Structure formats: C-alpha cells, structure tokens
Amino acid sequence: YGYYNTYHIQGWRKARRPAFTGLQQFSMAARRSGGGLRLLVILAQASAGLPSSRLAEDLLVYNRVHKSGSSTMQHILSAAAREHSFRYEPSFEFTRHRLDGRARAELVKSITSRKRPFAYDRHIYYMSFAVHGSPEPTYINLVRDPVRRGVSGFYYLRDCICVKRGDWCRDQWKLREDDPAYCARDINAAYADVPEPPPDLPLAKRPLLPYFCGHEEVCVVPPSAALANSTGATADSPSEALHRARVHMRDRYAWIGVLEEMPLSLRVLVATLPRWFGRIDVHCWQRTVEQPADAVRGGLASRLWAWIRSGGALGAAARGHPAPNADTARKMRAQLRLEYEVYEYARLLLHERAQALNVSLVAQDISRRDYAYRGRTTTASDCHRAQQD
C-alpha cells in the first residue's frame, strides 16, 4: 500500500482501520535506517509485489502546485542541491500543466536522461513514469489551505494584469480594458455578487485535484462537484478522481507537506529524505513562510513604481491584499469542496508519517544564528547565507 499507508484509503474518515500492524516497530526501523527512502521503497514494493529497481531513488520530481509555497520549496531545493551535490533544474514552463500522452512520454524521456542524482520541478499534474517504461521517481509536493490558495491566486492574477503585465497572463489583459474598476477590486468585491451555491469560477482554472490524480480525462472535474456516494459513483465521477488522487498521494509520494504546518512538514521531509534534504536549516526555512500571507512587500519607491505601472489604477493592491470576509470565505469553501478533500487527506498523511518516524514539534534550543532574524522578516537569502556559514 505504499510509503506510510497506516490506514486504508476507502472510508478513511469513518473507519480508520490499520493497514498494517506494528506502527511502533515500523517507527524504530525507520529511525535505524536514518528515515531514508530505502525503507520506504522496500515496504512499497514488497506490498505491491514489484522489484525495488522500479523506483529511481536518485531522481526526485516536485510537481509543484500553484500558489502553495513553491517559491520557498525552490529555494530549499537550491540550498539542498549545494549541500548534497545533486543537480537541480526548475522548469520555466508555467502554463502547460496538462499534457497529452505523447508530450508526457517526451517529458519522461527528457527527465530520465539527466545525469543523476537529479531533481526537477514544474507546475504539472501527476504522471506515472512506469507507463512510459521508466522507474518511478521520488515524488514530493506541498499543499495549501484551498481558500488561502484561492485568495493568493486571485491577487496574483490581478497584480499580473494590473502591475506586472506578465506574459503568462497576456490573454487576461482584456479584463482591465473591459472593466476599469477591475484593478481596484479586492476578493470580497469580486465575490459580493456571486450567488450561492457559487459557480465554478473564477477558481476552477487551476484545481488541486489533478496534481495528484493525473492528466486523464477522469481527473478533470469541477472543484465544487458533489461527491457521489458509494452506490452511485461512476467511472468518471468525482469519487473516482478523488480515489485516484488519494492512492497516488499514499503510494507514490515520499513527502507531501502542508504549508499551514510547515515546521512539522520540514521535519518530516528531512527525516524521510535525508539523502536529499538532510542538511537543510529547518529552523530558518520555516520562518520564511511564517510571514503575513500575500502582503505587499517593498518600500515607498517600489510601491510608487507599481502604482505608475498600473496607470494609477492599482487602488487596493497598493495598500495591501484584504483577506476574505466570512461571506466570501463561505462561498469559496463551497466552491472548493473537492480541494478540501485532497487537502485534508494530505494533512492526515503528514501526521501519520510524522508519527511513524517519531517526528514531533518540541522546544528547540535557540542558536546564536537564530537571534539574527528576530525582529525582522526572514528571507530566503538569509537561509542561503546560513547554509553556507
């Protein structure tokens, strides 16, 4: 059943029946092996009846989810690559996250042809390497509370259109011309006239589910689609897509972090994959995500330049990004029902794996280096410098 399947996938919320016994013995064995991937491979392949050679321990793939701490994870990967002497290549393809079979085969061939050990990341849905005749890579990912992710995505798109005029949102530039008030509209104003139950816009363009389900048609379902019951589920129902996603999360991912629980997530990452991340400064990197979410950064000059680039129409964006009120959050939650199914399962896996590895959040002694970051924002540059000290 994969890496840390302590509970069966079916009915995981109602009937958490252990999929294997001896959790304490497993935890001890994981610690004796350094928490490394080898133990995970043995368990996964033994339960599936496959040879261990079908998993490439020297190939890591981070199919990063949009607006879910991926910039922080890229910095962590860069720092880890220097510490552990592996090659890391981030992709600069930001829009093509769903590929046809031929394009997937070409991408698998390209990734597997790199000199190992090799780490690769891209905004792309889950894909099986075995289908294309290659060993499965070590998959990792990071998820975020769907409402917070949706709010971040809303302001990211608005700022791209109104401030940065980025190429990736070029097809959306017309929103500013068609609606002069668009650049001054915050998330609450955007949802003020949205009916209940809300439609599948505007947050359905980059759903979370396919990042773990895959590229197949069955995985493309609206985030607000109602889940079919056990007797009414069909092959192309949301239940089938959710089942696939959970199986992949459980069996194919060595680590899935949760942005809202980054301290625990990073400790599980280090314990699970010491070959890749064993030397990263967990204390420093967790502080880089403990800042106010989606705050407008920069001094007066950068804010003024942003206002000029927006043609003086930036409005609320220059003052910050207002959080959703209760009505907006309720509508967004209704709109993101499937997203929360995936998110909550990721949280469940994180805590199960932390328990299996005996990882917990305990009081840590404050090192001298920690004092340097107190009273100000901790940046990725701080952590890169700390890694080199």
Foldseek 3Di string as FASTA:
>chain_A
DFQQPQADPPPCPPDGDGPDDDLVVLLVVLVVVLLECVVRLCVLCVVVVHDSQLEDALEEEELEAPQFCVVLVVLLLVLLCVVLVFAEDEDPDAPCQADDPVVVLVVLVVRVVDDTSYYYYHNHADDASVVNPHRAYAYEYEGEDQQLSQQLVLVVLLLCLQFVVDPVNVVVVVVCVVDVLSLQDALQNVCVPADPLGDLPDRQPRADLRNQQHNDQLLRDFLLFDADDPVPDDCSGVVVSLSSSLCSLRHRHLAYHYLVPQLLRLQLVCSNHVSRNVLADSVQSNLLSVDPPQFDDDDPVVLVSRCVSSVNNNHVVSVTHDRHDPVSSVSSCSRRVNSVSSVVSNVVVSVSSCVSNVHDDDDDDDDPLNVVCPPHRRHSVSRSVVSVD
